[in-house]
Amino acid sequence: MLQDIPRDLETLRNRPVLRHIEGLSAHSDVVEALATALKPLGDVQIFCPDSQQYRYVVASTKGIIIALAVGMNTTGFRLDERMRSRALASGGLTFPECGPEWVSFTLFRDDWPRIDLEFWARKAYVAARELER
């Protein structure tokens, strides 16, 4: 059953992300990898509009979407400028569909080192916790 996006996520800051992921799906392996990375963090909410149909997944804190899982192998993180530069230097890609502060990582590549999702999840979490709403 399709669930409505939580009201606290319907903000100007989250609008580009929500527009981009509308109608997208996420492979369960990508969702599981992201959920594992988010587990040690504090106040994080995970939302999927329809897990039975393998729809996208977003994670938020303080009403700010900080991470997402889409497609067969993509995770994305909202990062501050310093961490965004580091993410891009270490194999991340710009994710302009979600906004200038977003970086995407391609998971499960056999020709590339494992992405440290726990590190990027923590950095996205800290950056969002430091933002004013």
C-alpha atoms as a PDB file:
ATOM      1  CA  MET A   1       0.000   0.000   0.000  1.00  0.00           C
ATOM      2  CA  LEU A   2       1.358   3.389  -1.022  1.00  0.00           C
ATOM      3  CA  GLN A   3       2.063   5.709   1.918  1.00  0.00           C
ATOM      4  CA  ASP A   4       2.112   9.492   1.746  1.00  0.00           C
ATOM      5  CA  ILE A   5       5.393  11.311   2.258  1.00  0.00           C
ATOM      6  CA  PRO A   6       5.643  12.412   5.903  1.00  0.00           C
ATOM      7  CA  ARG A   7       4.636  16.052   6.286  1.00  0.00           C
ATOM      8  CA  ASP A   8       7.909  17.019   7.971  1.00  0.00           C
ATOM      9  CA  LEU A   9       9.785  15.996   4.797  1.00  0.00           C
ATOM     10  CA  GLU A  10       7.715  18.213   2.513  1.00  0.00           C
ATOM     11  CA  THR A  11      10.054  21.205   2.725  1.00  0.00           C
ATOM     12  CA  LEU A  12      11.741  23.486   0.231  1.00  0.00           C
ATOM     13  CA  ARG A  13      15.103  21.927   1.108  1.00  0.00           C
ATOM     14  CA  ASN A  14      13.840  18.403   0.356  1.00  0.00           C
ATOM     15  CA  ARG A  15      11.774  19.270  -2.715  1.00  0.00           C
ATOM     16  CA  PRO A  16      14.437  18.477  -5.381  1.00  0.00           C
ATOM     17  CA  VAL A  17      15.082  15.083  -3.799  1.00  0.00           C
ATOM     18  CA  LEU A  18      11.405  14.201  -3.561  1.00  0.00           C
ATOM     19  CA  ARG A  19      10.799  15.274  -7.166  1.00  0.00           C
ATOM     20  CA  HIS A  20      13.707  13.189  -8.422  1.00  0.00           C
ATOM     21  CA  ILE A  21      12.848   9.960  -6.605  1.00  0.00           C
ATOM     22  CA  GLU A  22       9.095  10.033  -7.218  1.00  0.00           C
ATOM     23  CA  GLY A  23       8.207   6.806  -8.987  1.00  0.00           C
ATOM     24  CA  LEU A  24      11.684   5.276  -8.613  1.00  0.00           C
ATOM     25  CA  SER A  25      12.418   1.913  -7.084  1.00  0.00           C
ATOM     26  CA  ALA A  26      15.317   0.514  -5.069  1.00  0.00           C
ATOM     27  CA  HIS A  27      16.778  -2.968  -5.045  1.00  0.00           C
ATOM     28  CA  SER A  28      16.565  -4.624  -1.642  1.00  0.00           C
ATOM     29  CA  ASP A  29      20.371  -5.068  -1.519  1.00  0.00           C
ATOM     30  CA  VAL A  30      20.871  -1.300  -1.858  1.00  0.00           C
ATOM     31  CA  VAL A  31      18.244  -0.606   0.794  1.00  0.00           C
ATOM     32  CA  GLU A  32      19.826  -3.142   3.153  1.00  0.00           C
ATOM     33  CA  ALA A  33      23.305  -1.644   2.679  1.00  0.00           C
ATOM     34  CA  LEU A  34      22.009   1.847   3.429  1.00  0.00           C
ATOM     35  CA  ALA A  35      19.978   0.696   6.449  1.00  0.00           C
ATOM     36  CA  THR A  36      23.044  -1.031   7.890  1.00  0.00           C
ATOM     37  CA  ALA A  37      25.105   2.140   7.456  1.00  0.00           C
ATOM     38  CA  LEU A  38      22.446   4.234   9.201  1.00  0.00           C
ATOM     39  CA  LYS A  39      21.898   1.872  12.103  1.00  0.00           C
ATOM     40  CA  PRO A  40      24.565   3.315  14.476  1.00  0.00           C
ATOM     41  CA  LEU A  41      23.269   6.862  14.063  1.00  0.00           C
ATOM     42  CA  GLY A  42      20.920   8.547  16.508  1.00  0.00           C
ATOM     43  CA  ASP A  43      17.719  10.259  15.448  1.00  0.00           C
ATOM     44  CA  VAL A  44      17.188   8.902  11.913  1.00  0.00           C
ATOM     45  CA  GLN A  45      13.872   8.129  10.273  1.00  0.00           C
ATOM     46  CA  ILE A  46      13.638   5.832   7.263  1.00  0.00           C
ATOM     47  CA  PHE A  47      10.763   6.170   4.818  1.00  0.00           C
ATOM     48  CA  CYS A  48       9.704   3.978   1.925  1.00  0.00           C
ATOM     49  CA  PRO A  49       6.338   4.697   0.300  1.00  0.00           C
ATOM     50  CA  ASP A  50       5.780   1.027  -0.584  1.00  0.00           C
ATOM     51  CA  SER A  51       8.293  -1.606   0.498  1.00  0.00           C
ATOM     52  CA  GLN A  52       6.202  -4.397  -1.060  1.00  0.00           C
ATOM     53  CA  GLN A  53       6.826  -2.823  -4.476  1.00  0.00           C
ATOM     54  CA  TYR A  54      10.507  -2.034  -3.703  1.00  0.00           C
ATOM     55  CA  ARG A  55      10.047   1.728  -3.982  1.00  0.00           C
ATOM     56  CA  TYR A  56      12.822   4.201  -3.148  1.00  0.00           C
ATOM     57  CA  VAL A  57      14.038   4.701   0.435  1.00  0.00           C
ATOM     58  CA  VAL A  58      15.012   7.980   2.077  1.00  0.00           C
ATOM     59  CA  ALA A  59      16.557   8.608   5.482  1.00  0.00           C
ATOM     60  CA  SER A  60      16.115  11.855   7.367  1.00  0.00           C
ATOM     61  CA  THR A  61      16.947  13.623  10.586  1.00  0.00           C
ATOM     62  CA  LYS A  62      15.357  16.830  11.845  1.00  0.00           C
ATOM     63  CA  GLY A  63      13.105  16.764   8.758  1.00  0.00           C
ATOM     64  CA  ILE A  64      16.102  16.902   6.392  1.00  0.00           C
ATOM     65  CA  ILE A  65      16.626  14.069   3.926  1.00  0.00           C
ATOM     66  CA  ILE A  66      20.247  12.970   4.353  1.00  0.00           C
ATOM     67  CA  ALA A  67      20.454   9.749   2.344  1.00  0.00           C
ATOM     68  CA  LEU A  68      18.592   7.710  -0.234  1.00  0.00           C
ATOM     69  CA  ALA A  69      18.643   4.380  -2.012  1.00  0.00           C
ATOM     70  CA  VAL A  70      17.440   4.055  -5.603  1.00  0.00           C
ATOM     71  CA  GLY A  71      17.859   1.731  -8.522  1.00  0.00           C
ATOM     72  CA  MET A  72      19.957  -1.390  -8.618  1.00  0.00           C
ATOM     73  CA  ASN A  73      23.084   0.106  -7.082  1.00  0.00           C
ATOM     74  CA  THR A  74      22.814   3.781  -6.114  1.00  0.00           C
ATOM     75  CA  THR A  75      23.001   5.490  -2.760  1.00  0.00           C
ATOM     76  CA  GLY A  76      23.061   9.241  -2.315  1.00  0.00           C
ATOM     77  CA  PHE A  77      24.104  11.496   0.566  1.00  0.00           C
ATOM     78  CA  ARG A  78      23.560  15.185   1.361  1.00  0.00           C
ATOM     79  CA  LEU A  79      26.988  16.473   2.435  1.00  0.00           C
ATOM     80  CA  ASP A  80      28.504  19.765   3.479  1.00  0.00           C
ATOM     81  CA  GLU A  81      30.922  21.405   1.052  1.00  0.00           C
ATOM     82  CA  ARG A  82      34.099  19.977   2.609  1.00  0.00           C
ATOM     83  CA  MET A  83      32.823  16.393   2.703  1.00  0.00           C
ATOM     84  CA  ARG A  84      31.241  16.711  -0.735  1.00  0.00           C
ATOM     85  CA  SER A  85      34.655  17.575  -2.190  1.00  0.00           C
ATOM     86  CA  ARG A  86      36.177  14.557  -0.472  1.00  0.00           C
ATOM     87  CA  ALA A  87      33.396  12.289  -1.665  1.00  0.00           C
ATOM     88  CA  LEU A  88      33.896  13.437  -5.255  1.00  0.00           C
ATOM     89  CA  ALA A  89      37.652  12.891  -4.952  1.00  0.00           C
ATOM     90  CA  SER A  90      37.095   9.350  -3.682  1.00  0.00           C
ATOM     91  CA  GLY A  91      34.757   8.040  -6.371  1.00  0.00           C
ATOM     92  CA  GLY A  92      31.443   9.758  -5.662  1.00  0.00           C
ATOM     93  CA  LEU A  93      29.543  11.468  -8.444  1.00  0.00           C
ATOM     94  CA  THR A  94      27.650  14.738  -8.457  1.00  0.00           C
ATOM     95  CA  PHE A  95      23.929  14.155  -8.020  1.00  0.00           C
ATOM     96  CA  PRO A  96      22.459  17.396  -9.411  1.00  0.00           C
ATOM     97  CA  GLU A  97      18.973  15.921  -9.705  1.00  0.00           C
ATOM     98  CA  CYS A  98      18.777  16.067  -5.909  1.00  0.00           C
ATOM     99  CA  GLY A  99      20.659  19.344  -5.443  1.00  0.00           C
ATOM    100  CA  PRO A 100      24.193  20.754  -5.430  1.00  0.00           C
ATOM    101  CA  GLU A 101      25.065  19.276  -2.020  1.00  0.00           C
ATOM    102  CA  TRP A 102      24.266  15.697  -3.066  1.00  0.00           C
ATOM    103  CA  VAL A 103      26.741  12.983  -4.039  1.00  0.00           C
ATOM    104  CA  SER A 104      25.899   9.520  -5.316  1.00  0.00           C
ATOM    105  CA  PHE A 105      27.865   6.306  -4.973  1.00  0.00           C
ATOM    106  CA  THR A 106      27.564   3.209  -7.117  1.00  0.00           C
ATOM    107  CA  LEU A 107      27.554   0.057  -5.009  1.00  0.00           C
ATOM    108  CA  PHE A 108      28.530  -3.511  -5.859  1.00  0.00           C
ATOM    109  CA  ARG A 109      31.199  -2.691  -8.441  1.00  0.00           C
ATOM    110  CA  ASP A 110      33.684  -5.503  -8.822  1.00  0.00           C
ATOM    111  CA  ASP A 111      36.280  -3.132 -10.300  1.00  0.00           C
ATOM    112  CA  TRP A 112      36.203  -0.621  -7.438  1.00  0.00           C
ATOM    113  CA  PRO A 113      36.954  -0.591  -3.697  1.00  0.00           C
ATOM    114  CA  ARG A 114      33.993  -1.047  -1.342  1.00  0.00           C
ATOM    115  CA  ILE A 115      32.235   2.250  -0.575  1.00  0.00           C
ATOM    116  CA  ASP A 116      32.395   3.169   3.120  1.00  0.00           C
ATOM    117  CA  LEU A 117      28.685   3.828   3.497  1.00  0.00           C
ATOM    118  CA  GLU A 118      28.953   4.084   7.277  1.00  0.00           C
ATOM    119  CA  PHE A 119      31.414   6.974   6.939  1.00  0.00           C
ATOM    120  CA  TRP A 120      29.293   8.893   4.415  1.00  0.00           C
ATOM    121  CA  ALA A 121      26.087   8.259   6.359  1.00  0.00           C
ATOM    122  CA  ARG A 122      27.710   9.675   9.502  1.00  0.00           C
ATOM    123  CA  LYS A 123      28.986  12.739   7.639  1.00  0.00           C
ATOM    124  CA  ALA A 124      25.552  13.399   6.099  1.00  0.00           C
ATOM    125  CA  TYR A 125      23.924  12.975   9.517  1.00  0.00           C
ATOM    126  CA  VAL A 126      26.313  15.416  11.223  1.00  0.00           C
ATOM    127  CA  ALA A 127      25.936  17.994   8.447  1.00  0.00           C
ATOM    128  CA  ALA A 128      22.145  17.903   8.702  1.00  0.00           C
ATOM    129  CA  ARG A 129      22.159  18.052  12.506  1.00  0.00           C
ATOM    130  CA  GLU A 130      24.240  21.239  12.291  1.00  0.00           C
ATOM    131  CA  LEU A 131      21.861  22.971   9.830  1.00  0.00           C
ATOM    132  CA  GLU A 132      19.165  25.354  10.956  1.00  0.00           C
ATOM    133  CA  ARG A 133      15.746  24.426   9.613  1.00  0.00           C
END
